[in-house]
Each structure stands twice: as C-alpha cells, then as structure tokens.
Amino acid sequence: MRLRKIWAEGTFAVLKREHKLNKIQKRGLQKAIEECLLSVTALNLKRLVKAV
C-alpha cells in the first residue's frame, strides 16, 4: 500500500512538472478531462518506451 502511494505521488509530480498540469488550460469539464487523459496517455507511452 505504501509503495503504491509513493509511486502515485511521483506520477502526479511528473504530470505537474513536465506536462504543466498544475493548472488546466481548457474550459469545461469534458475538455479538462480530455486534457488530463492526453497527458496521462503521453506519460504512459514514455514509460512504455523506456521499459522496452
């Protein structure tokens, strides 16, 4: 449980720092969700490439 919390906080830190998600740029709930999903997808693709 503790390891998962640490890993999740690191993920949020990367999203805020590298993907500039400390403030959402889009207006509206649906567009904000889309922006977050795109950033998370990009982060997952980076991790996938690094793992291969």
C-alpha atoms as a PDB file:
ATOM      1  CA  MET A   1       0.000   0.000   0.000  1.00  0.00           C
ATOM      2  CA  ARG A   2       2.753   2.432   0.944  1.00  0.00           C
ATOM      3  CA  LEU A   3       4.723   1.781  -2.241  1.00  0.00           C
ATOM      4  CA  ARG A   4       1.648   2.476  -4.336  1.00  0.00           C
ATOM      5  CA  LYS A   5       1.107   5.840  -2.621  1.00  0.00           C
ATOM      6  CA  ILE A   6       4.707   6.853  -3.219  1.00  0.00           C
ATOM      7  CA  TRP A   7       4.538   5.837  -6.874  1.00  0.00           C
ATOM      8  CA  ALA A   8       1.240   7.707  -7.381  1.00  0.00           C
ATOM      9  CA  GLU A   9       2.621  10.903  -5.858  1.00  0.00           C
ATOM     10  CA  GLY A  10       5.626  10.692  -8.151  1.00  0.00           C
ATOM     11  CA  THR A  11       3.290  10.371 -11.114  1.00  0.00           C
ATOM     12  CA  PHE A  12       1.362  13.482 -10.090  1.00  0.00           C
ATOM     13  CA  ALA A  13       4.633  15.372  -9.652  1.00  0.00           C
ATOM     14  CA  VAL A  14       5.759  14.414 -13.163  1.00  0.00           C
ATOM     15  CA  LEU A  15       2.405  15.418 -14.630  1.00  0.00           C
ATOM     16  CA  LYS A  16       2.553  18.787 -12.902  1.00  0.00           C
ATOM     17  CA  ARG A  17       6.186  19.479 -13.744  1.00  0.00           C
ATOM     18  CA  GLU A  18       6.636  18.069 -17.250  1.00  0.00           C
ATOM     19  CA  HIS A  19       3.095  18.237 -18.617  1.00  0.00           C
ATOM     20  CA  LYS A  20       2.132  21.531 -16.953  1.00  0.00           C
ATOM     21  CA  LEU A  21      -0.961  20.134 -15.271  1.00  0.00           C
ATOM     22  CA  ASN A  22      -0.783  22.376 -12.223  1.00  0.00           C
ATOM     23  CA  LYS A  23      -3.455  24.465 -13.949  1.00  0.00           C
ATOM     24  CA  ILE A  24      -5.908  23.161 -16.557  1.00  0.00           C
ATOM     25  CA  GLN A  25      -5.813  25.192 -19.772  1.00  0.00           C
ATOM     26  CA  LYS A  26      -9.214  24.178 -21.173  1.00  0.00           C
ATOM     27  CA  ARG A  27     -12.656  25.342 -20.116  1.00  0.00           C
ATOM     28  CA  GLY A  28     -15.405  22.906 -19.275  1.00  0.00           C
ATOM     29  CA  LEU A  29     -15.373  19.581 -17.527  1.00  0.00           C
ATOM     30  CA  GLN A  30     -15.223  17.413 -20.657  1.00  0.00           C
ATOM     31  CA  LYS A  31     -12.291  19.327 -22.146  1.00  0.00           C
ATOM     32  CA  ALA A  32     -10.452  19.273 -18.810  1.00  0.00           C
ATOM     33  CA  ILE A  33     -10.905  15.504 -18.627  1.00  0.00           C
ATOM     34  CA  GLU A  34      -9.611  15.168 -22.194  1.00  0.00           C
ATOM     35  CA  GLU A  35      -6.535  17.258 -21.350  1.00  0.00           C
ATOM     36  CA  CYS A  36      -5.760  15.085 -18.325  1.00  0.00           C
ATOM     37  CA  LEU A  37      -6.273  11.867 -20.285  1.00  0.00           C
ATOM     38  CA  LEU A  38      -3.934  13.050 -23.044  1.00  0.00           C
ATOM     39  CA  SER A  39      -1.239  13.896 -20.510  1.00  0.00           C
ATOM     40  CA  VAL A  40      -1.604  10.570 -18.724  1.00  0.00           C
ATOM     41  CA  THR A  41      -1.500   8.726 -22.053  1.00  0.00           C
ATOM     42  CA  ALA A  42       1.691  10.556 -23.009  1.00  0.00           C
ATOM     43  CA  LEU A  43       3.250   9.672 -19.655  1.00  0.00           C
ATOM     44  CA  ASN A  44       2.290   6.001 -20.063  1.00  0.00           C
ATOM     45  CA  LEU A  45       3.764   5.921 -23.580  1.00  0.00           C
ATOM     46  CA  LYS A  46       7.024   7.418 -22.284  1.00  0.00           C
ATOM     47  CA  ARG A  47       7.194   4.755 -19.585  1.00  0.00           C
ATOM     48  CA  LEU A  48       6.413   2.013 -22.111  1.00  0.00           C
ATOM     49  CA  VAL A  49       9.206   3.147 -24.427  1.00  0.00           C
ATOM     50  CA  LYS A  50      11.619   3.359 -21.511  1.00  0.00           C
ATOM     51  CA  ALA A  51      10.684  -0.177 -20.409  1.00  0.00           C
ATOM     52  CA  VAL A  52      11.328  -1.649 -23.866  1.00  0.00           C
END
